[in-house]
Protein backbone atom coordinates (compact mmCIF):
# COMPACT_ATOMS: atom_id res chain seq x y z
CA MET A 1 52.41 -28.89 -13.30
CA ASP A 2 53.84 -31.87 -14.61
CA LEU A 3 52.06 -34.92 -12.95
CA LYS A 4 54.78 -37.51 -13.16
CA GLU A 5 56.92 -35.28 -10.63
CA PHE A 6 54.44 -35.91 -7.99
CA LEU A 7 51.97 -38.31 -8.58
CA LEU A 8 54.86 -41.01 -7.81
CA PRO A 9 54.38 -44.53 -6.27
CA SER A 10 54.16 -44.91 -2.74
CA ARG A 11 52.74 -41.27 -2.34
CA SER A 12 50.40 -40.93 -0.24
CA ILE A 13 47.20 -39.22 -1.24
CA GLU A 14 43.70 -38.40 -0.65
CA VAL A 15 40.64 -39.15 -2.00
CA ALA A 16 36.95 -37.80 -2.06
CA ILE A 17 33.89 -39.08 -2.96
CA THR A 18 30.22 -37.43 -2.93
CA THR A 19 27.92 -39.43 -1.25
CA GLU A 20 24.83 -38.65 0.78
CA ASP A 21 24.38 -39.07 4.47
CA GLU A 22 21.71 -40.24 6.30
CA ASN A 23 19.11 -37.16 5.80
CA HIS A 24 20.07 -38.13 1.79
CA LYS A 25 22.15 -34.74 1.63
CA PRO A 26 25.23 -34.74 -0.39
CA ALA A 27 28.20 -35.59 1.94
CA ILE A 28 31.77 -35.87 1.28
CA LEU A 29 33.95 -38.95 1.96
CA ARG A 30 37.91 -38.58 2.27
CA LEU A 31 39.37 -41.96 2.19
CA LYS A 32 43.53 -41.93 2.45
CA THR A 33 45.41 -44.45 0.28
CA VAL A 34 48.74 -44.54 -1.50
CA ILE A 35 49.74 -44.64 -5.14
CA GLU A 36 50.62 -48.25 -6.21
CA THR A 37 51.89 -46.77 -10.55
CA GLY A 38 53.14 -43.54 -11.24
CA TYR A 39 51.20 -40.67 -13.71
CA GLU A 40 51.48 -41.54 -17.32
CA ASN A 41 49.62 -40.37 -20.16
CA GLY A 42 46.86 -39.09 -18.10
CA PHE A 43 46.34 -42.35 -16.07
CA PHE A 44 47.83 -43.81 -12.86
CA LYS A 45 46.96 -46.47 -9.87
CA ILE A 46 46.06 -46.51 -6.60
CA ILE A 47 45.67 -49.12 -3.99
CA ALA A 48 42.03 -49.45 -3.22
CA PRO A 49 41.21 -47.46 0.20
CA MET A 50 39.57 -49.37 3.12
CA HIS A 51 36.14 -47.68 4.89
CA HIS A 52 35.05 -48.95 7.83
CA GLY A 53 37.24 -52.05 7.98
CA ARG A 54 36.18 -52.98 4.37
CA LEU A 55 37.55 -51.68 0.65
CA TYR A 56 35.52 -49.19 -0.96
CA ASN A 57 33.26 -50.15 -3.44
CA PHE A 58 33.58 -47.62 -6.68
CA ARG A 59 31.86 -47.91 -9.47
CA GLU A 60 33.61 -47.72 -13.05
CA ASP A 61 33.41 -44.32 -14.85
CA GLU A 62 32.76 -42.78 -11.43
CA LEU A 63 34.20 -39.32 -10.57
CA LEU A 64 36.66 -38.45 -7.60
CA THR A 65 38.85 -35.56 -6.30
CA ILE A 66 42.05 -36.61 -5.48
CA THR A 67 44.42 -34.28 -3.01
CA PHE A 68 48.31 -34.38 -3.24
CA THR A 69 50.79 -32.49 -1.98
CA THR A 70 53.74 -31.08 -2.95
CA GLN A 71 57.11 -29.87 -1.15
CA ASN A 72 58.94 -26.74 -2.36
CA ASP A 73 61.09 -24.32 -0.53
CA GLN A 74 60.18 -25.36 2.61
CA LYS A 75 56.74 -25.16 1.77
CA LYS A 76 53.97 -27.46 1.46
CA ASP A 77 50.83 -26.92 -0.97
CA ALA A 78 47.97 -28.93 -1.40
CA PHE A 79 46.52 -29.41 -5.18
CA ASP A 80 43.09 -31.07 -6.22
CA ILE A 81 42.65 -33.06 -9.46
CA LYS A 82 39.36 -34.39 -10.91
CA CYS A 83 39.83 -37.98 -11.82
CA ARG A 84 37.41 -40.87 -13.25
CA VAL A 85 37.36 -44.83 -12.16
CA VAL A 86 38.89 -46.66 -15.56
CA SER A 87 38.81 -50.25 -14.15
CA ARG A 88 39.30 -51.97 -10.87
CA GLU A 89 41.87 -54.96 -10.64
CA HIS A 90 42.15 -58.06 -8.13
CA LYS A 91 46.10 -59.54 -8.25
CA GLY A 92 46.09 -61.93 -5.03
CA ALA A 93 45.36 -59.81 -1.60
CA LEU A 94 46.27 -56.79 -3.94
CA TYR A 95 43.31 -54.59 -4.82
CA THR A 96 44.15 -51.42 -7.05
CA ILE A 97 42.22 -48.57 -9.08
CA THR A 98 43.20 -47.07 -12.31
CA LEU A 99 42.64 -43.50 -12.66
CA ARG A 100 42.18 -41.09 -15.09
CA SER A 101 42.59 -37.61 -14.87
CA THR A 102 40.34 -35.18 -16.15
CA SER A 103 41.30 -31.60 -14.95
CA GLU A 104 43.93 -29.41 -14.35
CA PRO A 105 45.45 -29.66 -10.73
CA GLN A 106 44.19 -26.61 -8.76
CA LYS A 107 45.64 -25.34 -5.58
CA VAL A 108 43.48 -26.04 -2.05
CA GLN A 109 43.28 -23.03 0.17
CA ARG A 110 44.78 -24.18 3.29
CA ARG A 111 43.03 -22.71 7.05
CA GLN A 112 45.25 -20.10 8.07
CA ALA A 113 44.87 -21.16 11.83
CA PHE A 114 42.57 -23.71 13.85
CA ARG A 115 39.60 -23.14 15.34
CA VAL A 116 39.27 -22.70 18.92
CA ASN A 117 36.11 -22.91 21.16
CA ILE A 118 35.27 -19.47 22.58
CA PHE A 119 32.46 -18.24 24.14
CA ASN A 120 32.55 -14.31 23.27
CA THR A 121 29.56 -12.06 23.17
CA TYR A 122 29.37 -9.24 21.03
CA THR A 123 26.68 -6.13 20.09
CA PHE A 124 26.41 -4.87 16.87
CA LEU A 125 24.25 -3.13 15.00
CA TYR A 126 22.12 -4.71 12.23
CA LYS A 127 19.50 -3.02 10.31
CA ASP A 128 19.63 -0.03 13.02
CA GLN A 129 18.79 -2.45 15.92
CA GLN A 130 21.43 -3.54 18.30
CA GLN A 131 22.01 -7.11 18.33
CA GLN A 132 23.74 -9.82 19.79
CA LEU A 133 26.02 -12.56 18.48
CA VAL A 134 27.59 -15.18 20.70
CA THR A 135 30.55 -16.88 19.29
CA LYS A 136 31.21 -20.92 19.44
CA ASP A 137 34.42 -21.13 17.51
CA ILE A 138 36.89 -18.32 16.28
CA SER A 139 39.62 -18.99 13.71
CA SER A 140 41.74 -16.09 11.68
CA THR A 141 39.41 -15.78 8.95
CA GLY A 142 35.61 -16.18 10.39
CA LEU A 143 33.81 -17.23 13.27
CA ARG A 144 30.62 -19.44 13.95
CA GLY A 145 28.20 -17.73 16.38
CA LEU A 146 24.29 -17.72 17.23
CA THR A 147 22.29 -14.58 17.09
CA THR A 148 18.20 -14.27 18.16
CA MET A 149 17.32 -12.98 14.54
CA GLN A 150 17.59 -14.45 10.93
CA MET A 151 20.50 -12.93 8.70
CA PHE A 152 21.12 -13.24 5.03
CA LYS A 153 23.95 -14.32 2.96
CA GLU A 154 26.11 -11.61 2.41
CA ASP A 155 24.92 -9.18 4.59
CA THR A 156 27.84 -7.23 6.48
CA PHE A 157 28.38 -5.74 9.89
CA ASP A 158 31.13 -4.70 12.22
CA ILE A 159 32.14 -5.71 15.64
CA GLN A 160 34.86 -4.44 18.37
CA PHE A 161 37.30 -7.22 18.81
CA ASP A 162 39.31 -7.18 21.81
CA GLY A 163 42.55 -9.67 21.40
CA ASN A 164 44.12 -8.64 24.62
CA THR A 165 44.41 -11.85 26.98
CA LYS A 166 46.21 -9.76 29.75
CA ASP A 167 45.42 -7.30 32.06
CA PRO A 168 45.81 -3.74 31.02
CA THR A 169 48.53 -2.86 33.62
CA GLU A 170 50.53 -6.08 32.47
CA ILE A 171 51.49 -4.95 29.00
CA ASP A 172 51.94 -1.39 27.38
CA PRO A 173 49.11 0.76 27.19
CA GLU A 174 49.71 1.50 23.40
CA LEU A 175 50.02 -2.22 22.46
CA TYR A 176 46.54 -2.84 24.65
CA ALA A 177 45.08 -0.05 22.91
CA GLN A 178 46.20 -1.53 18.70
CA LYS A 179 44.99 -5.16 19.92
CA VAL A 180 41.62 -3.40 20.41
CA PHE A 181 39.91 -3.05 16.44
CA THR A 182 36.84 -2.87 14.58
CA ILE A 183 36.91 -6.15 12.41
CA LYS A 184 33.97 -5.96 9.22
CA CYS A 185 31.92 -9.29 9.35
CA ARG A 186 30.42 -11.12 6.16
CA VAL A 187 27.67 -13.67 6.55
CA ILE A 188 28.27 -16.72 4.71
CA ASP A 189 25.34 -18.88 5.69
CA CYS A 190 22.88 -19.15 8.35
CA MET A 191 20.92 -21.78 9.74
CA PRO A 192 18.15 -22.12 12.06
CA GLN A 193 18.90 -23.99 15.17
CA VAL A 194 15.27 -25.06 15.92
CA GLU A 195 16.10 -27.17 19.47
CA ILE A 196 17.45 -23.77 20.86
CA ARG A 197 15.22 -21.03 18.84
CA ARG A 198 18.56 -19.52 17.53
CA TYR A 199 20.24 -19.00 14.36
CA MET A 200 23.75 -20.39 13.23
CA GLN A 201 25.84 -17.66 11.54
CA ARG A 202 28.93 -18.59 9.51
CA ILE A 203 31.01 -15.40 9.08
CA GLN A 204 33.53 -14.27 7.13
CA PHE A 205 36.18 -11.64 8.39
CA VAL A 206 37.01 -9.04 5.26
CA GLU A 207 39.30 -6.22 4.73
CA MET A 208 41.43 -6.87 7.58
CA THR A 209 45.12 -5.39 7.85
CA ALA A 210 48.16 -7.66 8.26
CA SER A 211 48.34 -6.30 11.90
CA GLN A 212 44.80 -7.17 12.59
CA SER A 213 45.30 -10.48 11.12
CA LYS A 214 48.58 -11.10 13.73
CA TYR A 215 46.72 -9.49 16.71
CA LEU A 216 44.11 -12.17 15.96
CA ILE A 217 46.31 -15.50 15.80
CA GLN A 218 47.89 -14.48 18.81
CA TYR A 219 44.75 -14.14 20.41
CA LEU A 220 43.69 -17.41 18.94
CA TYR A 221 46.95 -19.12 20.23
CA ALA A 222 46.88 -17.93 23.85
CA LYS A 223 43.14 -19.07 24.23
CA GLN A 224 44.15 -22.34 23.04
CA ALA A 225 46.82 -22.63 25.30
CA GLU A 226 44.32 -22.08 27.67
CA ILE A 227 42.33 -25.15 26.69
CA ILE A 228 45.39 -27.44 26.52
CA PHE A 229 46.84 -26.38 30.08
CA THR A 230 44.07 -25.23 31.72
CA GLU A 231 41.94 -28.42 32.88
CA GLY A 232 38.41 -28.63 32.08
CA SER A 233 38.52 -24.90 30.51
CA ASP A 234 36.76 -26.20 27.50
CA THR A 235 34.13 -27.53 29.26
CA ASP A 236 33.81 -24.61 31.41
CA GLN A 237 32.91 -22.58 28.42
CA ARG A 238 30.64 -25.06 27.03
CA ALA A 239 28.53 -24.99 30.53
CA GLN A 240 28.68 -21.21 30.18
CA MET A 241 27.33 -21.03 27.15
CA ASP A 242 24.77 -23.69 27.89
CA GLN A 243 23.58 -21.70 31.07
CA TYR A 244 23.41 -18.54 28.81
CA PHE A 245 21.00 -19.82 26.38
CA ASN A 246 18.92 -21.07 29.26
CA ALA A 247 18.67 -17.94 30.65
CA GLN A 248 17.26 -16.39 27.82
CA ASN A 249 13.28 -16.05 28.21
CA GLU A 250 12.83 -14.61 24.51
CA ASN A 251 10.43 -16.64 22.96
CA VAL A 252 11.86 -16.28 19.59
CA GLN A 253 10.03 -18.18 16.70
CA VAL A 254 11.44 -20.91 14.32
CA GLU A 255 9.48 -22.32 12.41
CA ASP A 256 10.09 -25.26 10.37
CA ALA A 257 7.65 -27.24 7.62
CA THR A 258 6.79 -29.71 9.84
CA THR A 259 5.48 -26.91 12.61
CA ARG A 260 3.47 -25.19 10.06
CA ARG A 261 2.00 -28.42 9.31
CA ILE A 262 1.07 -29.25 12.44
CA GLN A 263 -0.44 -26.07 12.93
CA LEU A 264 -2.37 -26.52 9.87
CA ILE A 265 -3.75 -30.03 10.88
CA SER A 266 -4.92 -28.28 14.14
CA LEU A 267 -6.97 -25.69 12.10
CA ILE A 268 -8.75 -28.96 9.70
CA SER A 269 -9.49 -30.70 13.15
CA LEU A 270 -11.22 -27.89 14.10
CA PHE A 271 -12.77 -27.07 11.25
CA VAL A 272 -13.92 -30.58 10.97
CA PHE A 273 -15.44 -30.78 14.26
CA PHE A 274 -17.54 -27.59 13.54
CA PHE A 275 -19.24 -29.28 10.98
CA SER A 276 -19.71 -32.30 12.91
CA ILE A 277 -21.82 -30.40 15.42
CA VAL A 278 -23.93 -28.66 12.50
CA PHE A 279 -24.55 -32.33 11.10
CA LEU A 280 -25.69 -33.31 14.88
CA LEU A 281 -28.21 -29.96 15.00
CA TYR A 282 -29.54 -31.00 11.42
CA ALA A 283 -30.20 -34.20 12.73
CA GLN A 284 -32.56 -34.35 15.18
CA PRO A 285 -36.31 -34.07 15.13
CA LYS A 286 -37.85 -30.53 14.03
CA PRO A 287 -39.60 -29.25 17.65
CA VAL A 288 -43.65 -29.35 17.86
CA TYR A 289 -45.26 -26.28 17.93
CA GLY A 290 -48.51 -24.84 19.76
CA LEU A 291 -50.31 -23.76 16.24
CA ASP A 292 -49.28 -26.93 15.05
CA ARG A 293 -51.62 -28.91 17.47
CA PHE A 294 -54.40 -25.91 16.82
CA PHE A 295 -54.38 -26.08 12.84
CA ASP A 296 -54.21 -30.09 13.64
CA TYR A 297 -51.04 -30.30 11.76
CA TYR A 298 -49.54 -33.28 12.00
CA ARG A 299 -45.19 -33.35 12.25
CA VAL A 300 -43.06 -36.15 11.78
CA GLN A 301 -40.96 -36.30 14.71
CA ALA A 302 -37.92 -38.59 13.71
CA TRP A 303 -34.44 -38.42 13.68
CA ASN A 304 -32.80 -37.61 10.57
CA SER A 305 -30.58 -40.54 10.03
CA THR A 306 -28.70 -39.33 7.09
CA TYR A 307 -27.10 -36.13 8.81
CA TYR A 308 -26.42 -38.23 12.24
CA LEU A 309 -24.05 -40.41 9.92
CA LEU A 310 -22.53 -37.51 8.40
CA ALA A 311 -21.51 -36.16 11.91
CA LEU A 312 -20.95 -39.82 13.28
CA PHE A 313 -18.06 -40.43 9.92
CA SER A 314 -16.89 -36.67 10.36
CA SER A 315 -15.90 -37.37 13.96
CA ILE A 316 -14.36 -40.49 13.68
CA THR A 317 -12.42 -38.98 10.90
CA ASN A 318 -11.44 -36.05 13.07
CA ILE A 319 -10.16 -38.74 15.57
CA PHE A 320 -7.76 -39.85 13.32
CA ILE A 321 -6.85 -36.37 12.06
CA GLY A 322 -5.97 -35.31 15.64
CA ILE A 323 -3.94 -38.57 16.17
CA TYR A 324 -1.99 -38.23 13.52
CA GLY A 325 -1.28 -34.47 14.21
CA ILE A 326 -0.01 -35.42 18.03
CA ILE A 327 2.18 -38.02 16.86
CA LEU A 328 3.77 -35.41 14.21
CA ASN A 329 4.00 -32.80 17.58
CA SER A 330 5.73 -35.39 19.57
CA THR A 331 8.78 -35.49 16.88
CA LYS A 332 8.92 -31.88 18.03
CA ILE A 333 9.41 -32.19 21.58
CA LYS A 334 13.12 -31.91 22.04
CA SER A 335 13.78 -29.72 24.67
CA GLN A 336 11.78 -28.16 27.61
CA LYS A 337 10.80 -25.17 25.59
CA ASP A 338 8.72 -27.30 23.32
CA HIS A 339 5.13 -28.16 23.87
CA PHE A 340 1.90 -30.01 22.49
CA ASN A 341 -0.23 -27.49 20.01
CA ARG A 342 -3.06 -26.99 22.75
CA LEU A 343 -5.79 -26.54 19.99
CA LEU A 344 -4.87 -29.81 18.45
CA ILE A 345 -5.49 -31.13 22.07
CA VAL A 346 -8.78 -29.53 22.75
CA THR A 347 -9.99 -30.30 19.67
CA LEU A 348 -9.37 -34.04 19.96
CA THR A 349 -10.60 -34.13 23.40
CA LEU A 350 -13.93 -32.69 22.29
CA ASN A 351 -13.92 -35.11 19.94
CA PHE A 352 -13.87 -37.97 21.85
CA ILE A 353 -16.61 -36.52 23.81
CA PHE A 354 -18.58 -36.02 21.07
CA ILE A 355 -18.40 -39.39 20.04
CA ILE A 356 -19.54 -40.78 23.30
CA VAL A 357 -22.74 -38.55 22.95
CA LEU A 358 -23.53 -39.39 19.42
CA VAL A 359 -23.14 -43.21 21.00
CA TYR A 360 -25.09 -42.57 23.77
CA LEU A 361 -27.76 -41.29 21.38
CA PHE A 362 -27.41 -44.49 19.11
CA THR A 363 -28.52 -46.47 22.01
CA THR A 364 -31.47 -44.45 23.62
CA VAL A 365 -32.98 -43.12 20.56
CA PRO A 366 -34.71 -44.82 17.34
CA ILE A 367 -32.50 -42.80 14.84
CA PHE A 368 -33.02 -45.23 12.20
CA SER A 369 -36.63 -45.81 12.68
CA SER A 370 -39.27 -43.58 12.00
CA ASN A 371 -41.13 -42.24 14.93
CA LYS A 372 -44.08 -40.06 14.69
CA VAL A 373 -46.64 -38.54 17.09
CA TYR A 374 -49.81 -37.11 15.98
């Protein structure tokens, strides 16, 4: 491909930059701009694009992806080309960026059809068990849907798809039967949705015939028309989906690292509380037995201040552990189904009571002075 024919002055292009989002994860920023100087010997110049009302600050030697389009035989194709920033120039009110191409153009695969927000429920067999998939949107190449169990990449299953949008009495029975067919699905990605205790599945349709693809696209256009011309249909579908998930009472456990950390903190708090009680028991004076008086044995009746301090310091430390666990737990309360860790709350309450007991003993018993009974 001769880039001189396509990277011409005043042509509109798209610039893709790899950045980081608020969670410090890779994200693609796409900006629109035009070409200032056409392609020549591997170099061309673009007008610096704007981002949020300001010029985007490119760094020299930064790697970019430029997307441009071609028109051939009434068909519009898009291509990507990798480029590096060579220099930045400022002439009057014009800011330009000089780029150098570093790769051959690669054709961009365009989506065959738009995605449509559709609430459908499909039952399928997965690992010899009946499972349910609730779709959020569907396109001609795949769908996004929610399940109650975790699936893995490259897993496959079959769903029975019904592409009819009219009653059987309104269309030819043979055509109606043709629009009901089996679609083979392949899992592309599985992402836990902690707030609703479900898994979001990205599904790709595979091994579809031309007629099946045609019926699927017709179905999507019909559903899109319903959303456009039927007032509130999309809102009704979203409300129906919310009602469906709120009605589910299954306790599907979707644990992440924070949840496991909270559980570990609650166990550590219980463990430290147990040792605090043991230290207090060891700090108490040893009992006087009747045989001691018979044999005229003098037993020291004094508190062990070392064990008392260990009980005090361990309980204070446990208070801070419990408070940290409660604060961490509060960040996970995002829905009515979420709750605080009960073991953590009980242990923290017992620690406060234990601290009160220790303070009471300190004010009423001479723990740090020797008290002998003869």
